[in-house]
Amino acid sequence: MKADRKKLELAMARACMNSADLPVAAGLPRPTVQNAIVGKGVRPATLGRIAKALGVDPAELLEEV
């Protein structure tokens, strides 16, 4: 699954988080979160944990195909 970078960054802004805060809040390694931010594919559970940490539905972060 790929997250849309702009959608993810907007959700991070709404949650007042930066790229250093998000891995801590999501309980994920920093490189894994960075992969999601730059648009690399991540596992569904990873995207789910990121979305949960940001307080959004995972579908809101998905890249549109």
PDB file of N, CA and C in Angstrom:
ATOM      1  N   MET A   1       0.842  -1.167   0.000  1.00  0.00           N
ATOM      2  CA  MET A   1       0.000   0.000   0.000  1.00  0.00           C
ATOM      3  C   MET A   1       0.891   1.235   0.000  1.00  0.00           C
ATOM      4  N   LYS A   2       0.434   2.245  -0.711  1.00  0.00           N
ATOM      5  CA  LYS A   2       1.207   3.484  -0.760  1.00  0.00           C
ATOM      6  C   LYS A   2       0.370   4.631  -0.215  1.00  0.00           C
ATOM      7  N   ALA A   3       0.995   5.416   0.638  1.00  0.00           N
ATOM      8  CA  ALA A   3       0.344   6.612   1.164  1.00  0.00           C
ATOM      9  C   ALA A   3       0.628   7.775   0.231  1.00  0.00           C
ATOM     10  N   ASP A   4      -0.329   8.661   0.100  1.00  0.00           N
ATOM     11  CA  ASP A   4      -0.146   9.884  -0.660  1.00  0.00           C
ATOM     12  C   ASP A   4       0.625  10.862   0.221  1.00  0.00           C
ATOM     13  N   ARG A   5       1.763  11.309  -0.247  1.00  0.00           N
ATOM     14  CA  ARG A   5       2.642  12.156   0.570  1.00  0.00           C
ATOM     15  C   ARG A   5       1.937  13.420   1.065  1.00  0.00           C
ATOM     16  N   LYS A   6       1.219  14.085   0.176  1.00  0.00           N
ATOM     17  CA  LYS A   6       0.552  15.329   0.569  1.00  0.00           C
ATOM     18  C   LYS A   6      -0.532  15.077   1.610  1.00  0.00           C
ATOM     19  N   LYS A   7      -1.290  13.997   1.428  1.00  0.00           N
ATOM     20  CA  LYS A   7      -2.338  13.660   2.401  1.00  0.00           C
ATOM     21  C   LYS A   7      -1.725  13.313   3.755  1.00  0.00           C
ATOM     22  N   LEU A   8      -0.636  12.575   3.724  1.00  0.00           N
ATOM     23  CA  LEU A   8       0.031  12.191   4.963  1.00  0.00           C
ATOM     24  C   LEU A   8       0.611  13.409   5.671  1.00  0.00           C
ATOM     25  N   GLU A   9       1.246  14.295   4.922  1.00  0.00           N
ATOM     26  CA  GLU A   9       1.810  15.495   5.526  1.00  0.00           C
ATOM     27  C   GLU A   9       0.712  16.411   6.072  1.00  0.00           C
ATOM     28  N   LEU A  10      -0.431  16.474   5.400  1.00  0.00           N
ATOM     29  CA  LEU A  10      -1.547  17.272   5.893  1.00  0.00           C
ATOM     30  C   LEU A  10      -2.079  16.692   7.202  1.00  0.00           C
ATOM     31  N   ALA A  11      -2.209  15.369   7.266  1.00  0.00           N
ATOM     32  CA  ALA A  11      -2.663  14.721   8.499  1.00  0.00           C
ATOM     33  C   ALA A  11      -1.657  14.950   9.628  1.00  0.00           C
ATOM     34  N   MET A  12      -0.374  14.927   9.302  1.00  0.00           N
ATOM     35  CA  MET A  12       0.654  15.207  10.306  1.00  0.00           C
ATOM     36  C   MET A  12       0.535  16.643  10.807  1.00  0.00           C
ATOM     37  N   ALA A  13       0.279  17.579   9.908  1.00  0.00           N
ATOM     38  CA  ALA A  13       0.127  18.981  10.300  1.00  0.00           C
ATOM     39  C   ALA A  13      -1.090  19.152  11.207  1.00  0.00           C
ATOM     40  N   ARG A  14      -2.188  18.500  10.852  1.00  0.00           N
ATOM     41  CA  ARG A  14      -3.404  18.594  11.679  1.00  0.00           C
ATOM     42  C   ARG A  14      -3.176  18.035  13.074  1.00  0.00           C
ATOM     43  N   ALA A  15      -2.336  17.000  13.154  1.00  0.00           N
ATOM     44  CA  ALA A  15      -2.037  16.377  14.442  1.00  0.00           C
ATOM     45  C   ALA A  15      -0.863  17.064  15.146  1.00  0.00           C
ATOM     46  N   CYS A  16      -0.339  18.128  14.541  1.00  0.00           N
ATOM     47  CA  CYS A  16       0.811  18.862  15.090  1.00  0.00           C
ATOM     48  C   CYS A  16       2.005  17.931  15.328  1.00  0.00           C
ATOM     49  N   MET A  17       2.280  17.080  14.338  1.00  0.00           N
ATOM     50  CA  MET A  17       3.410  16.152  14.415  1.00  0.00           C
ATOM     51  C   MET A  17       4.371  16.411  13.272  1.00  0.00           C
ATOM     52  N   ASN A  18       5.626  16.097  13.516  1.00  0.00           N
ATOM     53  CA  ASN A  18       6.617  16.132  12.445  1.00  0.00           C
ATOM     54  C   ASN A  18       7.134  14.719  12.222  1.00  0.00           C
ATOM     55  N   SER A  19       8.090  14.582  11.329  1.00  0.00           N
ATOM     56  CA  SER A  19       8.581  13.248  10.981  1.00  0.00           C
ATOM     57  C   SER A  19       9.351  12.577  12.115  1.00  0.00           C
ATOM     58  N   ALA A  20       9.712  13.335  13.138  1.00  0.00           N
ATOM     59  CA  ALA A  20      10.362  12.728  14.309  1.00  0.00           C
ATOM     60  C   ALA A  20       9.323  12.275  15.331  1.00  0.00           C
ATOM     61  N   ASP A  21       8.196  12.971  15.403  1.00  0.00           N
ATOM     62  CA  ASP A  21       7.143  12.625  16.358  1.00  0.00           C
ATOM     63  C   ASP A  21       6.352  11.395  15.934  1.00  0.00           C
ATOM     64  N   LEU A  22       6.094  11.265  14.640  1.00  0.00           N
ATOM     65  CA  LEU A  22       5.227  10.213  14.140  1.00  0.00           C
ATOM     66  C   LEU A  22       5.708   8.797  14.444  1.00  0.00           C
ATOM     67  N   PRO A  23       6.981   8.469  14.256  1.00  0.00           N
ATOM     68  CA  PRO A  23       7.415   7.104  14.582  1.00  0.00           C
ATOM     69  C   PRO A  23       7.199   6.757  16.061  1.00  0.00           C
ATOM     70  N   VAL A  24       7.396   7.723  16.926  1.00  0.00           N
ATOM     71  CA  VAL A  24       7.198   7.495  18.361  1.00  0.00           C
ATOM     72  C   VAL A  24       5.722   7.251  18.644  1.00  0.00           C
ATOM     73  N   ALA A  25       4.859   8.102  18.077  1.00  0.00           N
ATOM     74  CA  ALA A  25       3.416   7.982  18.310  1.00  0.00           C
ATOM     75  C   ALA A  25       2.853   6.685  17.726  1.00  0.00           C
ATOM     76  N   ALA A  26       3.394   6.263  16.588  1.00  0.00           N
ATOM     77  CA  ALA A  26       2.900   5.055  15.924  1.00  0.00           C
ATOM     78  C   ALA A  26       3.568   3.782  16.453  1.00  0.00           C
ATOM     79  N   GLY A  27       4.648   3.933  17.196  1.00  0.00           N
ATOM     80  CA  GLY A  27       5.366   2.764  17.706  1.00  0.00           C
ATOM     81  C   GLY A  27       6.060   1.990  16.602  1.00  0.00           C
ATOM     82  N   LEU A  28       6.570   2.723  15.625  1.00  0.00           N
ATOM     83  CA  LEU A  28       7.240   2.105  14.477  1.00  0.00           C
ATOM     84  C   LEU A  28       8.647   2.666  14.340  1.00  0.00           C
ATOM     85  N   PRO A  29       9.543   1.883  13.700  1.00  0.00           N
ATOM     86  CA  PRO A  29      10.889   2.402  13.445  1.00  0.00           C
ATOM     87  C   PRO A  29      10.839   3.602  12.501  1.00  0.00           C
ATOM     88  N   ARG A  30      11.729   4.546  12.722  1.00  0.00           N
ATOM     89  CA  ARG A  30      11.769   5.757  11.895  1.00  0.00           C
ATOM     90  C   ARG A  30      11.889   5.450  10.398  1.00  0.00           C
ATOM     91  N   PRO A  31      12.764   4.512   9.974  1.00  0.00           N
ATOM     92  CA  PRO A  31      12.877   4.232   8.532  1.00  0.00           C
ATOM     93  C   PRO A  31      11.566   3.732   7.924  1.00  0.00           C
ATOM     94  N   THR A  32      10.780   2.995   8.679  1.00  0.00           N
ATOM     95  CA  THR A  32       9.499   2.492   8.185  1.00  0.00           C
ATOM     96  C   THR A  32       8.542   3.654   7.932  1.00  0.00           C
ATOM     97  N   VAL A  33       8.491   4.585   8.868  1.00  0.00           N
ATOM     98  CA  VAL A  33       7.622   5.760   8.709  1.00  0.00           C
ATOM     99  C   VAL A  33       8.126   6.623   7.559  1.00  0.00           C
ATOM    100  N   GLN A  34       9.434   6.767   7.429  1.00  0.00           N
ATOM    101  CA  GLN A  34       9.991   7.553   6.322  1.00  0.00           C
ATOM    102  C   GLN A  34       9.605   6.937   4.980  1.00  0.00           C
ATOM    103  N   ASN A  35       9.597   5.605   4.907  1.00  0.00           N
ATOM    104  CA  ASN A  35       9.177   4.935   3.663  1.00  0.00           C
ATOM    105  C   ASN A  35       7.752   5.328   3.302  1.00  0.00           C
ATOM    106  N   ALA A  36       6.876   5.380   4.291  1.00  0.00           N
ATOM    107  CA  ALA A  36       5.486   5.770   4.040  1.00  0.00           C
ATOM    108  C   ALA A  36       5.410   7.229   3.596  1.00  0.00           C
ATOM    109  N   ILE A  37       6.181   8.088   4.241  1.00  0.00           N
ATOM    110  CA  ILE A  37       6.139   9.517   3.920  1.00  0.00           C
ATOM    111  C   ILE A  37       6.607   9.784   2.494  1.00  0.00           C
ATOM    112  N   VAL A  38       7.641   9.082   2.044  1.00  0.00           N
ATOM    113  CA  VAL A  38       8.163   9.326   0.694  1.00  0.00           C
ATOM    114  C   VAL A  38       7.405   8.565  -0.390  1.00  0.00           C
ATOM    115  N   GLY A  39       6.391   7.796   0.007  1.00  0.00           N
ATOM    116  CA  GLY A  39       5.551   7.134  -0.982  1.00  0.00           C
ATOM    117  C   GLY A  39       5.953   5.732  -1.360  1.00  0.00           C
ATOM    118  N   LYS A  40       6.842   5.117  -0.595  1.00  0.00           N
ATOM    119  CA  LYS A  40       7.181   3.719  -0.849  1.00  0.00           C
ATOM    120  C   LYS A  40       6.073   2.838  -0.280  1.00  0.00           C
ATOM    121  N   GLY A  41       5.947   1.663  -0.797  1.00  0.00           N
ATOM    122  CA  GLY A  41       4.929   0.745  -0.321  1.00  0.00           C
ATOM    123  C   GLY A  41       5.194   0.283   1.103  1.00  0.00           C
ATOM    124  N   VAL A  42       4.145   0.210   1.895  1.00  0.00           N
ATOM    125  CA  VAL A  42       4.236  -0.288   3.265  1.00  0.00           C
ATOM    126  C   VAL A  42       3.126  -1.304   3.486  1.00  0.00           C
ATOM    127  N   ARG A  43       3.250  -2.088   4.521  1.00  0.00           N
ATOM    128  CA  ARG A  43       2.237  -3.091   4.846  1.00  0.00           C
ATOM    129  C   ARG A  43       0.957  -2.399   5.320  1.00  0.00           C
ATOM    130  N   PRO A  44      -0.183  -3.045   5.095  1.00  0.00           N
ATOM    131  CA  PRO A  44      -1.441  -2.464   5.563  1.00  0.00           C
ATOM    132  C   PRO A  44      -1.446  -2.160   7.063  1.00  0.00           C
ATOM    133  N   ALA A  45      -0.876  -3.045   7.866  1.00  0.00           N
ATOM    134  CA  ALA A  45      -0.839  -2.817   9.315  1.00  0.00           C
ATOM    135  C   ALA A  45      -0.005  -1.588   9.653  1.00  0.00           C
ATOM    136  N   THR A  46       1.053  -1.360   8.898  1.00  0.00           N
ATOM    137  CA  THR A  46       1.895  -0.184   9.117  1.00  0.00           C
ATOM    138  C   THR A  46       1.112   1.087   8.828  1.00  0.00           C
ATOM    139  N   LEU A  47       0.421   1.106   7.708  1.00  0.00           N
ATOM    140  CA  LEU A  47      -0.386   2.272   7.367  1.00  0.00           C
ATOM    141  C   LEU A  47      -1.486   2.473   8.409  1.00  0.00           C
ATOM    142  N   GLY A  48      -2.027   1.381   8.896  1.00  0.00           N
ATOM    143  CA  GLY A  48      -3.047   1.463   9.937  1.00  0.00           C
ATOM    144  C   GLY A  48      -2.520   2.072  11.221  1.00  0.00           C
ATOM    145  N   ARG A  49      -1.315   1.698  11.612  1.00  0.00           N
ATOM    146  CA  ARG A  49      -0.727   2.255  12.839  1.00  0.00           C
ATOM    147  C   ARG A  49      -0.416   3.735  12.682  1.00  0.00           C
ATOM    148  N   ILE A  50       0.041   4.113  11.494  1.00  0.00           N
ATOM    149  CA  ILE A  50       0.322   5.527  11.225  1.00  0.00           C
ATOM    150  C   ILE A  50      -0.986   6.324  11.278  1.00  0.00           C
ATOM    151  N   ALA A  51      -2.017   5.810  10.622  1.00  0.00           N
ATOM    152  CA  ALA A  51      -3.309   6.498  10.614  1.00  0.00           C
ATOM    153  C   ALA A  51      -3.870   6.615  12.029  1.00  0.00           C
ATOM    154  N   LYS A  52      -3.752   5.559  12.817  1.00  0.00           N
ATOM    155  CA  LYS A  52      -4.251   5.584  14.197  1.00  0.00           C
ATOM    156  C   LYS A  52      -3.519   6.649  15.011  1.00  0.00           C
ATOM    157  N   ALA A  53      -2.213   6.739  14.834  1.00  0.00           N
ATOM    158  CA  ALA A  53      -1.421   7.735  15.560  1.00  0.00           C
ATOM    159  C   ALA A  53      -1.824   9.151  15.163  1.00  0.00           C
ATOM    160  N   LEU A  54      -2.277   9.315  13.903  1.00  0.00           N
ATOM    161  CA  LEU A  54      -2.676  10.632  13.416  1.00  0.00           C
ATOM    162  C   LEU A  54      -4.161  10.916  13.649  1.00  0.00           C
ATOM    163  N   GLY A  55      -4.894   9.905  14.094  1.00  0.00           N
ATOM    164  CA  GLY A  55      -6.315  10.085  14.352  1.00  0.00           C
ATOM    165  C   GLY A  55      -7.163  10.190  13.101  1.00  0.00           C
ATOM    166  N   VAL A  56      -6.751   9.486  12.040  1.00  0.00           N
ATOM    167  CA  VAL A  56      -7.508   9.494  10.791  1.00  0.00           C
ATOM    168  C   VAL A  56      -7.779   8.070  10.339  1.00  0.00           C
ATOM    169  N   ASP A  57      -8.691   7.922   9.400  1.00  0.00           N
ATOM    170  CA  ASP A  57      -8.970   6.623   8.794  1.00  0.00           C
ATOM    171  C   ASP A  57      -7.846   6.320   7.803  1.00  0.00           C
ATOM    172  N   PRO A  58      -7.371   5.083   7.748  1.00  0.00           N
ATOM    173  CA  PRO A  58      -6.293   4.751   6.804  1.00  0.00           C
ATOM    174  C   PRO A  58      -6.637   5.101   5.355  1.00  0.00           C
ATOM    175  N   ALA A  59      -7.897   5.000   4.981  1.00  0.00           N
ATOM    176  CA  ALA A  59      -8.301   5.313   3.604  1.00  0.00           C
ATOM    177  C   ALA A  59      -8.014   6.768   3.240  1.00  0.00           C
ATOM    178  N   GLU A  60      -7.987   7.650   4.240  1.00  0.00           N
ATOM    179  CA  GLU A  60      -7.698   9.057   3.985  1.00  0.00           C
ATOM    180  C   GLU A  60      -6.254   9.297   3.546  1.00  0.00           C
ATOM    181  N   LEU A  61      -5.374   8.343   3.837  1.00  0.00           N
ATOM    182  CA  LEU A  61      -3.958   8.510   3.526  1.00  0.00           C
ATOM    183  C   LEU A  61      -3.536   7.824   2.235  1.00  0.00           C
ATOM    184  N   LEU A  62      -4.401   6.992   1.682  1.00  0.00           N
ATOM    185  CA  LEU A  62      -4.029   6.201   0.508  1.00  0.00           C
ATOM    186  C   LEU A  62      -3.841   7.039  -0.740  1.00  0.00           C
ATOM    187  N   GLU A  63      -2.850   6.632  -1.505  1.00  0.00           N
ATOM    188  CA  GLU A  63      -2.604   7.232  -2.822  1.00  0.00           C
ATOM    189  C   GLU A  63      -3.723   6.794  -3.762  1.00  0.00           C
ATOM    190  N   GLU A  64      -4.263   7.740  -4.509  1.00  0.00           N
ATOM    191  CA  GLU A  64      -5.313   7.401  -5.464  1.00  0.00           C
ATOM    192  C   GLU A  64      -4.681   6.868  -6.741  1.00  0.00           C
ATOM    193  N   VAL A  65      -5.260   5.809  -7.240  1.00  0.00           N
ATOM    194  CA  VAL A  65      -4.699   5.154  -8.433  1.00  0.00           C
ATOM    195  C   VAL A  65      -5.475   5.534  -9.656  1.00  0.00           C
TER     196      VAL A  65
END
